[in-house]
Amino acid sequence: MADIIYYTKIGCITSTKQVNLLRQSGHQVEVRDLLEHPWQPEELLSYFGDRPVKLWFNPNSPRIKSGEIDPSAYHAAAALEMMQGDHLLIRRPLMISGDRKICGFDPETLHAWIGLSSPEEAIARSGDLQSCSHPPTPGEPPACP
């Protein structure tokens, strides 16, 4: 069993599914509001590890979906500065357990790190566990960026 601090957009249906999977696997999960946290560049960077900068961005962000922002066009410092001003740009969840921090919800990575009670099911559902669960409403912005 792991103790996990889990930063997300509060109320996100996909995040709720992720947290439920972690708890069903026996982990203690403390959910925190990613949008309200006062992120500093060094702290954000500690979650991203050696991932390419374009993978630091939340692909469901309205600014990315609209084409206003192209994640592949930014270097680290510019990306971190943008994310400080718009937390919806940060790929989520951000998780801490022990001395390790990770970004995103990849069932294979999580199973290797802390263990999941049904990794095969989680891997099979991984698209469902990473994409926005709110169905789009015609003519309205996405409910879960």
Protein backbone atom coordinates (compact mmCIF):
# COMPACT_ATOMS: atom_id res chain seq x y z
CA MET A 1 0.00 0.00 0.00
CA ALA A 2 1.24 3.46 -0.92
CA ASP A 3 0.32 6.90 0.34
CA ILE A 4 -0.26 9.10 -2.69
CA ILE A 5 -0.75 12.84 -3.00
CA TYR A 6 -2.79 13.28 -6.17
CA TYR A 7 -3.13 16.71 -7.82
CA THR A 8 -6.02 17.06 -10.25
CA LYS A 9 -8.87 19.26 -11.37
CA ILE A 10 -11.45 18.72 -8.64
CA GLY A 11 -14.69 17.32 -10.04
CA CYS A 12 -13.12 15.72 -13.12
CA ILE A 13 -14.91 12.42 -13.81
CA THR A 14 -11.80 10.80 -15.28
CA SER A 15 -9.79 11.74 -12.19
CA THR A 16 -12.48 10.19 -10.00
CA LYS A 17 -12.11 6.94 -11.95
CA GLN A 18 -8.33 7.07 -11.50
CA VAL A 19 -8.58 7.73 -7.76
CA ASN A 20 -11.11 4.90 -7.37
CA LEU A 21 -8.74 2.49 -9.12
CA LEU A 22 -5.89 3.53 -6.84
CA ARG A 23 -8.05 3.13 -3.73
CA GLN A 24 -9.40 -0.24 -4.91
CA SER A 25 -5.77 -1.28 -5.20
CA GLY A 26 -5.32 -0.56 -1.48
CA HIS A 27 -3.61 2.82 -1.73
CA GLN A 28 -4.34 5.86 0.43
CA VAL A 29 -5.02 8.81 -1.87
CA GLU A 30 -5.06 12.44 -0.76
CA VAL A 31 -6.67 14.46 -3.54
CA ARG A 32 -5.51 18.07 -3.95
CA ASP A 33 -6.66 20.82 -6.28
CA LEU A 34 -4.14 21.25 -9.10
CA LEU A 35 -5.81 24.48 -10.19
CA GLU A 36 -5.46 26.14 -6.76
CA HIS A 37 -1.91 25.06 -5.93
CA PRO A 38 0.69 27.88 -6.24
CA TRP A 39 2.97 26.04 -8.69
CA GLN A 40 6.58 27.13 -9.01
CA PRO A 41 8.68 26.15 -12.04
CA GLU A 42 11.08 23.94 -10.07
CA GLU A 43 8.22 22.07 -8.42
CA LEU A 44 6.42 21.43 -11.72
CA LEU A 45 9.65 20.34 -13.36
CA SER A 46 10.15 17.72 -10.65
CA TYR A 47 7.03 15.89 -11.88
CA PHE A 48 7.96 15.89 -15.56
CA GLY A 49 11.29 14.08 -15.29
CA ASP A 50 12.87 13.42 -18.66
CA ARG A 51 9.63 13.62 -20.66
CA PRO A 52 9.71 15.84 -23.74
CA VAL A 53 8.23 19.30 -23.06
CA LYS A 54 5.27 18.67 -25.37
CA LEU A 55 4.18 15.83 -23.03
CA TRP A 56 4.02 18.24 -20.07
CA PHE A 57 0.87 19.77 -21.55
CA ASN A 58 -2.72 18.66 -20.95
CA PRO A 59 -4.02 17.68 -24.40
CA ASN A 60 -7.58 18.37 -23.19
CA SER A 61 -6.85 22.04 -22.39
CA PRO A 62 -9.21 24.30 -24.36
CA ARG A 63 -6.24 26.41 -25.49
CA ILE A 64 -4.50 23.35 -26.91
CA LYS A 65 -7.64 21.84 -28.46
CA SER A 66 -8.43 25.16 -30.17
CA GLY A 67 -4.93 25.32 -31.67
CA GLU A 68 -4.03 28.51 -29.79
CA ILE A 69 -1.11 26.64 -28.21
CA ASP A 70 1.08 24.07 -29.94
CA PRO A 71 2.88 22.16 -27.16
CA SER A 72 5.68 21.13 -29.50
CA ALA A 73 6.60 24.79 -30.08
CA TYR A 74 7.77 25.51 -26.52
CA HIS A 75 11.01 25.04 -24.66
CA ALA A 76 11.00 24.18 -20.94
CA ALA A 77 11.22 27.69 -19.46
CA ALA A 78 8.44 29.08 -21.67
CA ALA A 79 6.20 26.06 -21.01
CA LEU A 80 6.65 26.36 -17.24
CA GLU A 81 5.90 30.09 -17.36
CA MET A 82 2.70 29.46 -19.32
CA MET A 83 1.62 26.72 -16.91
CA GLN A 84 2.09 29.04 -13.94
CA GLY A 85 -0.43 31.40 -15.53
CA ASP A 86 -2.87 28.72 -16.73
CA HIS A 87 -2.96 25.55 -14.65
CA LEU A 88 -5.33 23.88 -17.13
CA LEU A 89 -2.27 23.51 -19.38
CA ILE A 90 -0.61 21.11 -16.90
CA ARG A 91 -0.96 17.42 -17.77
CA ARG A 92 -2.62 15.67 -14.89
CA PRO A 93 -2.66 14.03 -12.53
CA LEU A 94 0.54 14.93 -10.76
CA MET A 95 1.29 12.30 -8.11
CA ILE A 96 3.76 11.90 -5.26
CA SER A 97 4.44 8.74 -3.30
CA GLY A 98 7.53 8.51 -1.16
CA ASP A 99 10.31 10.36 -2.93
CA ARG A 100 8.99 9.78 -6.45
CA LYS A 101 6.85 12.16 -8.47
CA ILE A 102 5.11 11.42 -11.77
CA CYS A 103 2.91 13.16 -14.29
CA GLY A 104 -0.03 11.53 -16.05
CA PHE A 105 -1.92 8.31 -15.45
CA ASP A 106 -0.26 5.40 -17.22
CA PRO A 107 -1.48 2.09 -15.73
CA GLU A 108 1.68 0.17 -16.70
CA THR A 109 3.93 2.76 -15.05
CA LEU A 110 1.72 2.88 -11.97
CA HIS A 111 1.60 -0.89 -11.62
CA ALA A 112 5.39 -1.11 -11.79
CA TRP A 113 5.70 1.75 -9.29
CA ILE A 114 3.06 1.09 -6.63
CA GLY A 115 0.97 -1.83 -7.90
CA LEU A 116 -2.61 -1.99 -9.13
CA SER A 117 -5.01 -4.72 -8.05
CA SER A 118 -6.17 -5.37 -11.62
CA PRO A 119 -3.45 -4.04 -13.95
CA GLU A 120 -4.80 -5.93 -16.98
CA GLU A 121 -8.19 -4.24 -16.64
CA ALA A 122 -6.59 -0.84 -16.05
CA ILE A 123 -4.38 -1.24 -19.10
CA ALA A 124 -7.35 -2.32 -21.22
CA ARG A 125 -9.27 0.76 -20.01
CA SER A 126 -6.28 3.10 -20.21
CA GLY A 127 -7.83 5.32 -22.90
CA ASP A 128 -10.88 5.72 -20.68
CA LEU A 129 -8.60 6.53 -17.75
CA GLN A 130 -6.73 9.28 -19.60
CA SER A 131 -9.27 11.06 -21.78
CA CYS A 132 -12.00 13.46 -20.76
CA SER A 133 -15.10 11.59 -19.58
CA HIS A 134 -17.53 14.45 -20.13
CA PRO A 135 -19.46 14.03 -23.36
CA PRO A 136 -19.21 17.16 -25.52
CA THR A 137 -22.22 19.47 -25.54
CA PRO A 138 -22.80 20.98 -28.98
CA GLY A 139 -21.97 24.67 -29.06
CA GLU A 140 -20.38 24.74 -25.59
CA PRO A 141 -16.75 24.54 -24.46
CA PRO A 142 -15.54 21.20 -23.11
CA ALA A 143 -16.65 20.57 -19.52
CA CYS A 144 -13.44 18.86 -18.48
CA PRO A 145 -10.32 20.48 -19.86
